[in-house]
Amino acid sequence: MATTTIQVSRATRDRLAELAKEQGLSIGQLVERLADQQPTAAQRAERLAADREVIRSLFGVNISDEEFEEAPDVLGNIYKIAAEKVRAATRGNAA
């Protein structure tokens, strides 16, 4: 595997060296581990889309992405939106 050099301040280098030593790693291994633990924006978006699909499936209603975005209390609003959609569907079937 090819390696490269990154430039950081001495204080950062010293901190990374201390953290790496505590974990029995080289600084390079520590940086790799830290980078692997941080998802990219694309990975976060993919995870969010998958999580939303799970919620839609569990509730059995189609909650739009816009409705998710408008929900500051995500779980509370999911329950509210799902209940409203179920009530509307039930009223539609009763007619």
PDB file of N, CA and C in Angstrom:
ATOM      1  N   MET A   1       0.844  -1.178   0.000  1.00  0.00           N
ATOM      2  CA  MET A   1       0.000   0.000   0.000  1.00  0.00           C
ATOM      3  C   MET A   1       0.890   1.241   0.000  1.00  0.00           C
ATOM      4  N   ALA A   2       0.591   2.159  -0.861  1.00  0.00           N
ATOM      5  CA  ALA A   2       1.341   3.405  -0.932  1.00  0.00           C
ATOM      6  C   ALA A   2       0.967   4.274   0.264  1.00  0.00           C
ATOM      7  N   THR A   3       1.937   5.019   0.748  1.00  0.00           N
ATOM      8  CA  THR A   3       1.683   5.930   1.859  1.00  0.00           C
ATOM      9  C   THR A   3       1.945   7.351   1.404  1.00  0.00           C
ATOM     10  N   THR A   4       1.495   8.279   2.223  1.00  0.00           N
ATOM     11  CA  THR A   4       1.697   9.694   1.917  1.00  0.00           C
ATOM     12  C   THR A   4       1.983  10.428   3.212  1.00  0.00           C
ATOM     13  N   THR A   5       2.320  11.659   3.096  1.00  0.00           N
ATOM     14  CA  THR A   5       2.604  12.495   4.248  1.00  0.00           C
ATOM     15  C   THR A   5       1.520  13.549   4.366  1.00  0.00           C
ATOM     16  N   ILE A   6       1.053  13.764   5.598  1.00  0.00           N
ATOM     17  CA  ILE A   6       0.128  14.869   5.840  1.00  0.00           C
ATOM     18  C   ILE A   6       0.802  15.832   6.798  1.00  0.00           C
ATOM     19  N   GLN A   7       0.471  17.092   6.659  1.00  0.00           N
ATOM     20  CA  GLN A   7       1.075  18.090   7.520  1.00  0.00           C
ATOM     21  C   GLN A   7       0.079  18.547   8.575  1.00  0.00           C
ATOM     22  N   VAL A   8       0.502  18.469   9.823  1.00  0.00           N
ATOM     23  CA  VAL A   8      -0.296  18.947  10.949  1.00  0.00           C
ATOM     24  C   VAL A   8       0.644  19.714  11.869  1.00  0.00           C
ATOM     25  N   SER A   9       0.053  20.438  12.787  1.00  0.00           N
ATOM     26  CA  SER A   9       0.897  21.171  13.741  1.00  0.00           C
ATOM     27  C   SER A   9       1.628  20.180  14.646  1.00  0.00           C
ATOM     28  N   ARG A  10       2.686  20.635  15.274  1.00  0.00           N
ATOM     29  CA  ARG A  10       3.431  19.766  16.195  1.00  0.00           C
ATOM     30  C   ARG A  10       2.534  19.298  17.340  1.00  0.00           C
ATOM     31  N   ALA A  11       1.692  20.196  17.811  1.00  0.00           N
ATOM     32  CA  ALA A  11       0.797  19.837  18.912  1.00  0.00           C
ATOM     33  C   ALA A  11      -0.153  18.712  18.486  1.00  0.00           C
ATOM     34  N   THR A  12      -0.653  18.798  17.277  1.00  0.00           N
ATOM     35  CA  THR A  12      -1.544  17.748  16.774  1.00  0.00           C
ATOM     36  C   THR A  12      -0.772  16.454  16.600  1.00  0.00           C
ATOM     37  N   ARG A  13       0.419  16.542  16.031  1.00  0.00           N
ATOM     38  CA  ARG A  13       1.256  15.347  15.864  1.00  0.00           C
ATOM     39  C   ARG A  13       1.528  14.682  17.207  1.00  0.00           C
ATOM     40  N   ASP A  14       1.857  15.502  18.209  1.00  0.00           N
ATOM     41  CA  ASP A  14       2.147  14.952  19.533  1.00  0.00           C
ATOM     42  C   ASP A  14       0.909  14.306  20.146  1.00  0.00           C
ATOM     43  N   ARG A  15      -0.220  14.918  19.955  1.00  0.00           N
ATOM     44  CA  ARG A  15      -1.483  14.362  20.474  1.00  0.00           C
ATOM     45  C   ARG A  15      -1.797  13.043  19.764  1.00  0.00           C
ATOM     46  N   LEU A  16      -1.652  13.012  18.450  1.00  0.00           N
ATOM     47  CA  LEU A  16      -1.879  11.775  17.708  1.00  0.00           C
ATOM     48  C   LEU A  16      -0.910  10.681  18.161  1.00  0.00           C
ATOM     49  N   ALA A  17       0.337  11.044  18.388  1.00  0.00           N
ATOM     50  CA  ALA A  17       1.330  10.066  18.842  1.00  0.00           C
ATOM     51  C   ALA A  17       0.933   9.497  20.204  1.00  0.00           C
ATOM     52  N   GLU A  18       0.458  10.349  21.093  1.00  0.00           N
ATOM     53  CA  GLU A  18       0.038   9.888  22.419  1.00  0.00           C
ATOM     54  C   GLU A  18      -1.172   8.954  22.315  1.00  0.00           C
ATOM     55  N   LEU A  19      -2.155   9.358  21.518  1.00  0.00           N
ATOM     56  CA  LEU A  19      -3.345   8.528  21.335  1.00  0.00           C
ATOM     57  C   LEU A  19      -2.986   7.186  20.703  1.00  0.00           C
ATOM     58  N   ALA A  20      -2.119   7.226  19.697  1.00  0.00           N
ATOM     59  CA  ALA A  20      -1.711   5.997  19.012  1.00  0.00           C
ATOM     60  C   ALA A  20      -0.983   5.069  19.982  1.00  0.00           C
ATOM     61  N   LYS A  21      -0.075   5.611  20.765  1.00  0.00           N
ATOM     62  CA  LYS A  21       0.686   4.803  21.721  1.00  0.00           C
ATOM     63  C   LYS A  21      -0.243   4.133  22.723  1.00  0.00           C
ATOM     64  N   GLU A  22      -1.237   4.871  23.215  1.00  0.00           N
ATOM     65  CA  GLU A  22      -2.186   4.312  24.181  1.00  0.00           C
ATOM     66  C   GLU A  22      -2.951   3.125  23.597  1.00  0.00           C
ATOM     67  N   GLN A  23      -3.138   3.134  22.289  1.00  0.00           N
ATOM     68  CA  GLN A  23      -3.909   2.075  21.636  1.00  0.00           C
ATOM     69  C   GLN A  23      -3.022   1.028  20.966  1.00  0.00           C
ATOM     70  N   GLY A  24      -1.730   1.185  21.112  1.00  0.00           N
ATOM     71  CA  GLY A  24      -0.800   0.227  20.515  1.00  0.00           C
ATOM     72  C   GLY A  24      -0.759   0.304  19.002  1.00  0.00           C
ATOM     73  N   LEU A  25      -0.947   1.496  18.473  1.00  0.00           N
ATOM     74  CA  LEU A  25      -0.979   1.712  17.029  1.00  0.00           C
ATOM     75  C   LEU A  25       0.095   2.692  16.614  1.00  0.00           C
ATOM     76  N   SER A  26       0.380   2.711  15.322  1.00  0.00           N
ATOM     77  CA  SER A  26       1.206   3.782  14.768  1.00  0.00           C
ATOM     78  C   SER A  26       0.283   4.985  14.533  1.00  0.00           C
ATOM     79  N   ILE A  27       0.864   6.138  14.313  1.00  0.00           N
ATOM     80  CA  ILE A  27       0.037   7.314  14.006  1.00  0.00           C
ATOM     81  C   ILE A  27      -0.753   7.072  12.723  1.00  0.00           C
ATOM     82  N   GLY A  28      -0.133   6.472  11.731  1.00  0.00           N
ATOM     83  CA  GLY A  28      -0.827   6.175  10.479  1.00  0.00           C
ATOM     84  C   GLY A  28      -2.026   5.265  10.701  1.00  0.00           C
ATOM     85  N   GLN A  29      -1.848   4.226  11.511  1.00  0.00           N
ATOM     86  CA  GLN A  29      -2.955   3.315  11.802  1.00  0.00           C
ATOM     87  C   GLN A  29      -4.073   4.042  12.549  1.00  0.00           C
ATOM     88  N   LEU A  30      -3.703   4.918  13.473  1.00  0.00           N
ATOM     89  CA  LEU A  30      -4.708   5.690  14.211  1.00  0.00           C
ATOM     90  C   LEU A  30      -5.492   6.595  13.269  1.00  0.00           C
ATOM     91  N   VAL A  31      -4.787   7.284  12.383  1.00  0.00           N
ATOM     92  CA  VAL A  31      -5.466   8.174  11.433  1.00  0.00           C
ATOM     93  C   VAL A  31      -6.389   7.371  10.523  1.00  0.00           C
ATOM     94  N   GLU A  32      -5.935   6.211  10.062  1.00  0.00           N
ATOM     95  CA  GLU A  32      -6.793   5.353   9.238  1.00  0.00           C
ATOM     96  C   GLU A  32      -8.048   4.947  10.002  1.00  0.00           C
ATOM     97  N   ARG A  33      -7.881   4.549  11.262  1.00  0.00           N
ATOM     98  CA  ARG A  33      -9.027   4.144  12.073  1.00  0.00           C
ATOM     99  C   ARG A  33     -10.003   5.313  12.253  1.00  0.00           C
ATOM    100  N   LEU A  34      -9.454   6.490  12.542  1.00  0.00           N
ATOM    101  CA  LEU A  34     -10.318   7.671  12.719  1.00  0.00           C
ATOM    102  C   LEU A  34     -11.072   7.997  11.430  1.00  0.00           C
ATOM    103  N   ALA A  35     -10.387   7.910  10.305  1.00  0.00           N
ATOM    104  CA  ALA A  35     -11.028   8.193   9.013  1.00  0.00           C
ATOM    105  C   ALA A  35     -12.103   7.154   8.703  1.00  0.00           C
ATOM    106  N   ASP A  36     -11.841   5.888   9.019  1.00  0.00           N
ATOM    107  CA  ASP A  36     -12.817   4.828   8.757  1.00  0.00           C
ATOM    108  C   ASP A  36     -14.075   4.985   9.597  1.00  0.00           C
ATOM    109  N   GLN A  37     -13.954   5.610  10.754  1.00  0.00           N
ATOM    110  CA  GLN A  37     -15.096   5.773  11.650  1.00  0.00           C
ATOM    111  C   GLN A  37     -16.006   6.930  11.243  1.00  0.00           C
ATOM    112  N   GLN A  38     -15.558   7.773  10.338  1.00  0.00           N
ATOM    113  CA  GLN A  38     -16.328   8.945   9.933  1.00  0.00           C
ATOM    114  C   GLN A  38     -16.951   8.720   8.560  1.00  0.00           C
ATOM    115  N   PRO A  39     -18.290   8.635   8.501  1.00  0.00           N
ATOM    116  CA  PRO A  39     -18.901   8.446   7.184  1.00  0.00           C
ATOM    117  C   PRO A  39     -18.813   9.715   6.342  1.00  0.00           C
ATOM    118  N   THR A  40     -18.757   9.525   5.038  1.00  0.00           N
ATOM    119  CA  THR A  40     -18.769  10.664   4.122  1.00  0.00           C
ATOM    120  C   THR A  40     -20.194  11.212   4.022  1.00  0.00           C
ATOM    121  N   ALA A  41     -20.345  12.348   3.402  1.00  0.00           N
ATOM    122  CA  ALA A  41     -21.681  12.924   3.202  1.00  0.00           C
ATOM    123  C   ALA A  41     -22.557  11.962   2.405  1.00  0.00           C
ATOM    124  N   ALA A  42     -21.987  11.332   1.393  1.00  0.00           N
ATOM    125  CA  ALA A  42     -22.744  10.378   0.580  1.00  0.00           C
ATOM    126  C   ALA A  42     -23.180   9.176   1.418  1.00  0.00           C
ATOM    127  N   GLN A  43     -22.303   8.688   2.289  1.00  0.00           N
ATOM    128  CA  GLN A  43     -22.657   7.559   3.150  1.00  0.00           C
ATOM    129  C   GLN A  43     -23.739   7.947   4.154  1.00  0.00           C
ATOM    130  N   ARG A  44     -23.653   9.168   4.697  1.00  0.00           N
ATOM    131  CA  ARG A  44     -24.695   9.629   5.634  1.00  0.00           C
ATOM    132  C   ARG A  44     -26.036   9.750   4.920  1.00  0.00           C
ATOM    133  N   ALA A  45     -26.027  10.264   3.696  1.00  0.00           N
ATOM    134  CA  ALA A  45     -27.266  10.392   2.929  1.00  0.00           C
ATOM    135  C   ALA A  45     -27.848   9.019   2.611  1.00  0.00           C
ATOM    136  N   GLU A  46     -26.993   8.081   2.271  1.00  0.00           N
ATOM    137  CA  GLU A  46     -27.449   6.720   1.976  1.00  0.00           C
ATOM    138  C   GLU A  46     -28.059   6.081   3.223  1.00  0.00           C
ATOM    139  N   ARG A  47     -27.412   6.270   4.359  1.00  0.00           N
ATOM    140  CA  ARG A  47     -27.919   5.718   5.620  1.00  0.00           C
ATOM    141  C   ARG A  47     -29.253   6.363   5.990  1.00  0.00           C
ATOM    142  N   LEU A  48     -29.367   7.673   5.791  1.00  0.00           N
ATOM    143  CA  LEU A  48     -30.610   8.378   6.082  1.00  0.00           C
ATOM    144  C   LEU A  48     -31.743   7.849   5.207  1.00  0.00           C
ATOM    145  N   ALA A  49     -31.477   7.670   3.928  1.00  0.00           N
ATOM    146  CA  ALA A  49     -32.504   7.147   3.015  1.00  0.00           C
ATOM    147  C   ALA A  49     -32.923   5.747   3.432  1.00  0.00           C
ATOM    148  N   ALA A  50     -31.972   4.915   3.806  1.00  0.00           N
ATOM    149  CA  ALA A  50     -32.295   3.549   4.243  1.00  0.00           C
ATOM    150  C   ALA A  50     -33.097   3.569   5.534  1.00  0.00           C
ATOM    151  N   ASP A  51     -32.714   4.437   6.468  1.00  0.00           N
ATOM    152  CA  ASP A  51     -33.453   4.546   7.734  1.00  0.00           C
ATOM    153  C   ASP A  51     -34.886   5.002   7.493  1.00  0.00           C
ATOM    154  N   ARG A  52     -35.064   5.940   6.585  1.00  0.00           N
ATOM    155  CA  ARG A  52     -36.410   6.418   6.271  1.00  0.00           C
ATOM    156  C   ARG A  52     -37.253   5.313   5.658  1.00  0.00           C
ATOM    157  N   GLU A  53     -36.645   4.492   4.811  1.00  0.00           N
ATOM    158  CA  GLU A  53     -37.383   3.378   4.215  1.00  0.00           C
ATOM    159  C   GLU A  53     -37.809   2.375   5.285  1.00  0.00           C
ATOM    160  N   VAL A  54     -36.947   2.137   6.260  1.00  0.00           N
ATOM    161  CA  VAL A  54     -37.296   1.225   7.353  1.00  0.00           C
ATOM    162  C   VAL A  54     -38.486   1.780   8.123  1.00  0.00           C
ATOM    163  N   ILE A  55     -38.450   3.077   8.424  1.00  0.00           N
ATOM    164  CA  ILE A  55     -39.553   3.703   9.157  1.00  0.00           C
ATOM    165  C   ILE A  55     -40.839   3.620   8.347  1.00  0.00           C
ATOM    166  N   ARG A  56     -40.756   3.917   7.060  1.00  0.00           N
ATOM    167  CA  ARG A  56     -41.953   3.826   6.206  1.00  0.00           C
ATOM    168  C   ARG A  56     -42.514   2.410   6.222  1.00  0.00           C
ATOM    169  N   SER A  57     -41.653   1.437   6.150  1.00  0.00           N
ATOM    170  CA  SER A  57     -42.076   0.040   6.140  1.00  0.00           C
ATOM    171  C   SER A  57     -42.700  -0.354   7.474  1.00  0.00           C
ATOM    172  N   LEU A  58     -42.073   0.062   8.570  1.00  0.00           N
ATOM    173  CA  LEU A  58     -42.588  -0.294   9.892  1.00  0.00           C
ATOM    174  C   LEU A  58     -43.957   0.317  10.153  1.00  0.00           C
ATOM    175  N   PHE A  59     -44.138   1.559   9.726  1.00  0.00           N
ATOM    176  CA  PHE A  59     -45.414   2.228   9.957  1.00  0.00           C
ATOM    177  C   PHE A  59     -46.441   1.896   8.887  1.00  0.00           C
ATOM    178  N   GLY A  60     -45.997   1.408   7.760  1.00  0.00           N
ATOM    179  CA  GLY A  60     -46.917   1.048   6.698  1.00  0.00           C
ATOM    180  C   GLY A  60     -47.572   2.235   6.017  1.00  0.00           C
ATOM    181  N   VAL A  61     -46.954   3.398   6.130  1.00  0.00           N
ATOM    182  CA  VAL A  61     -47.478   4.593   5.463  1.00  0.00           C
ATOM    183  C   VAL A  61     -46.335   5.286   4.742  1.00  0.00           C
ATOM    184  N   ASN A  62     -46.691   6.045   3.706  1.00  0.00           N
ATOM    185  CA  ASN A  62     -45.679   6.739   2.926  1.00  0.00           C
ATOM    186  C   ASN A  62     -45.465   8.124   3.497  1.00  0.00           C
ATOM    187  N   ILE A  63     -44.402   8.289   4.264  1.00  0.00           N
ATOM    188  CA  ILE A  63     -44.023   9.586   4.817  1.00  0.00           C
ATOM    189  C   ILE A  63     -43.000  10.180   3.862  1.00  0.00           C
ATOM    190  N   SER A  64     -43.301  11.359   3.335  1.00  0.00           N
ATOM    191  CA  SER A  64     -42.409  11.962   2.345  1.00  0.00           C
ATOM    192  C   SER A  64     -41.132  12.470   2.999  1.00  0.00           C
ATOM    193  N   ASP A  65     -40.113  12.653   2.184  1.00  0.00           N
ATOM    194  CA  ASP A  65     -38.870  13.224   2.684  1.00  0.00           C
ATOM    195  C   ASP A  65     -39.115  14.621   3.246  1.00  0.00           C
ATOM    196  N   GLU A  66     -40.026  15.371   2.621  1.00  0.00           N
ATOM    197  CA  GLU A  66     -40.343  16.713   3.113  1.00  0.00           C
ATOM    198  C   GLU A  66     -40.942  16.644   4.510  1.00  0.00           C
ATOM    199  N   GLU A  67     -41.797  15.665   4.748  1.00  0.00           N
ATOM    200  CA  GLU A  67     -42.378  15.509   6.085  1.00  0.00           C
ATOM    201  C   GLU A  67     -41.309  15.137   7.102  1.00  0.00           C
ATOM    202  N   PHE A  68     -40.356  14.316   6.711  1.00  0.00           N
ATOM    203  CA  PHE A  68     -39.240  14.012   7.600  1.00  0.00           C
ATOM    204  C   PHE A  68     -38.458  15.285   7.920  1.00  0.00           C
ATOM    205  N   GLU A  69     -38.203  16.101   6.893  1.00  0.00           N
ATOM    206  CA  GLU A  69     -37.406  17.315   7.071  1.00  0.00           C
ATOM    207  C   GLU A  69     -38.094  18.326   7.974  1.00  0.00           C
ATOM    208  N   GLU A  70     -39.410  18.372   7.933  1.00  0.00           N
ATOM    209  CA  GLU A  70     -40.165  19.336   8.732  1.00  0.00           C
ATOM    210  C   GLU A  70     -40.304  18.911  10.182  1.00  0.00           C
ATOM    211  N   ALA A  71     -39.848  17.748  10.518  1.00  0.00           N
ATOM    212  CA  ALA A  71     -40.092  17.184  11.842  1.00  0.00           C
ATOM    213  C   ALA A  71     -38.934  17.438  12.797  1.00  0.00           C
ATOM    214  N   PRO A  72     -39.041  18.469  13.667  1.00  0.00           N
ATOM    215  CA  PRO A  72     -37.962  18.689  14.630  1.00  0.00           C
ATOM    216  C   PRO A  72     -37.899  17.563  15.670  1.00  0.00           C
ATOM    217  N   ASP A  73     -39.053  17.074  16.111  1.00  0.00           N
ATOM    218  CA  ASP A  73     -39.110  15.919  17.000  1.00  0.00           C
ATOM    219  C   ASP A  73     -39.414  14.734  16.104  1.00  0.00           C
ATOM    220  N   VAL A  74     -38.367  14.155  15.565  1.00  0.00           N
ATOM    221  CA  VAL A  74     -38.526  13.179  14.502  1.00  0.00           C
ATOM    222  C   VAL A  74     -39.459  12.040  14.911  1.00  0.00           C
ATOM    223  N   LEU A  75     -39.175  11.379  16.003  1.00  0.00           N
ATOM    224  CA  LEU A  75     -40.000  10.234  16.379  1.00  0.00           C
ATOM    225  C   LEU A  75     -41.422  10.662  16.705  1.00  0.00           C
ATOM    226  N   GLY A  76     -41.583  11.743  17.470  1.00  0.00           N
ATOM    227  CA  GLY A  76     -42.920  12.231  17.793  1.00  0.00           C
ATOM    228  C   GLY A  76     -43.697  12.611  16.549  1.00  0.00           C
ATOM    229  N   ASN A  77     -43.032  13.278  15.628  1.00  0.00           N
ATOM    230  CA  ASN A  77     -43.707  13.683  14.397  1.00  0.00           C
ATOM    231  C   ASN A  77     -43.978  12.507  13.475  1.00  0.00           C
ATOM    232  N   ILE A  78     -43.133  11.509  13.499  1.00  0.00           N
ATOM    233  CA  ILE A  78     -43.394  10.313  12.695  1.00  0.00           C
ATOM    234  C   ILE A  78     -44.677   9.658  13.190  1.00  0.00           C
ATOM    235  N   TYR A  79     -44.808   9.526  14.502  1.00  0.00           N
ATOM    236  CA  TYR A  79     -46.037   8.954  15.062  1.00  0.00           C
ATOM    237  C   TYR A  79     -47.251   9.796  14.656  1.00  0.00           C
ATOM    238  N   LYS A  80     -47.115  11.109  14.762  1.00  0.00           N
ATOM    239  CA  LYS A  80     -48.225  12.016  14.431  1.00  0.00           C
ATOM    240  C   LYS A  80     -48.596  11.902  12.945  1.00  0.00           C
ATOM    241  N   ILE A  81     -47.599  11.970  12.075  1.00  0.00           N
ATOM    242  CA  ILE A  81     -47.845  11.895  10.628  1.00  0.00           C
ATOM    243  C   ILE A  81     -48.454  10.546  10.268  1.00  0.00           C
ATOM    244  N   ALA A  82     -47.896   9.474  10.828  1.00  0.00           N
ATOM    245  CA  ALA A  82     -48.413   8.144  10.532  1.00  0.00           C
ATOM    246  C   ALA A  82     -49.851   8.008  11.007  1.00  0.00           C
ATOM    247  N   ALA A  83     -50.143   8.500  12.205  1.00  0.00           N
ATOM    248  CA  ALA A  83     -51.507   8.419  12.735  1.00  0.00           C
ATOM    249  C   ALA A  83     -52.470   9.192  11.848  1.00  0.00           C
ATOM    250  N   GLU A  84     -52.074  10.387  11.416  1.00  0.00           N
ATOM    251  CA  GLU A  84     -52.934  11.189  10.536  1.00  0.00           C
ATOM    252  C   GLU A  84     -53.192  10.462   9.220  1.00  0.00           C
ATOM    253  N   LYS A  85     -52.160   9.858   8.654  1.00  0.00           N
ATOM    254  CA  LYS A  85     -52.317   9.148   7.380  1.00  0.00           C
ATOM    255  C   LYS A  85     -53.195   7.910   7.551  1.00  0.00           C
ATOM    256  N   VAL A  86     -53.042   7.195   8.671  1.00  0.00           N
ATOM    257  CA  VAL A  86     -53.876   6.018   8.918  1.00  0.00           C
ATOM    258  C   VAL A  86     -55.326   6.444   9.115  1.00  0.00           C
ATOM    259  N   ARG A  87     -55.553   7.521   9.882  1.00  0.00           N
ATOM    260  CA  ARG A  87     -56.928   8.019  10.074  1.00  0.00           C
ATOM    261  C   ARG A  87     -57.546   8.422   8.740  1.00  0.00           C
ATOM    262  N   ALA A  88     -56.777   9.109   7.914  1.00  0.00           N
ATOM    263  CA  ALA A  88     -57.293   9.535   6.601  1.00  0.00           C
ATOM    264  C   ALA A  88     -57.609   8.331   5.735  1.00  0.00           C
ATOM    265  N   ALA A  89     -56.758   7.327   5.767  1.00  0.00           N
ATOM    266  CA  ALA A  89     -56.999   6.121   4.964  1.00  0.00           C
ATOM    267  C   ALA A  89     -58.210   5.371   5.490  1.00  0.00           C
ATOM    268  N   THR A  90     -58.380   5.348   6.799  1.00  0.00           N
ATOM    269  CA  THR A  90     -59.522   4.665   7.405  1.00  0.00           C
ATOM    270  C   THR A  90     -60.813   5.374   7.054  1.00  0.00           C
ATOM    271  N   ARG A  91     -60.791   6.692   7.105  1.00  0.00           N
ATOM    272  CA  ARG A  91     -61.995   7.470   6.715  1.00  0.00           C
ATOM    273  C   ARG A  91     -62.315   7.226   5.260  1.00  0.00           C
ATOM    274  N   GLY A  92     -61.290   7.131   4.423  1.00  0.00           N
ATOM    275  CA  GLY A  92     -61.517   6.888   3.005  1.00  0.00           C
ATOM    276  C   GLY A  92     -62.122   5.531   2.744  1.00  0.00           C
ATOM    277  N   ASN A  93     -61.724   4.542   3.521  1.00  0.00           N
ATOM    278  CA  ASN A  93     -62.262   3.176   3.349  1.00  0.00           C
ATOM    279  C   ASN A  93     -63.664   3.046   3.927  1.00  0.00           C
ATOM    280  N   ALA A  94     -64.005   3.886   4.924  1.00  0.00           N
ATOM    281  CA  ALA A  94     -65.325   3.811   5.550  1.00  0.00           C
ATOM    282  C   ALA A  94     -66.394   4.446   4.680  1.00  0.00           C
ATOM    283  N   ALA A  95     -65.991   5.308   3.778  1.00  0.00           N
ATOM    284  CA  ALA A  95     -66.958   6.022   2.945  1.00  0.00           C
ATOM    285  C   ALA A  95     -67.525   5.170   1.841  1.00  0.00           C
TER     286      ALA A  95
END
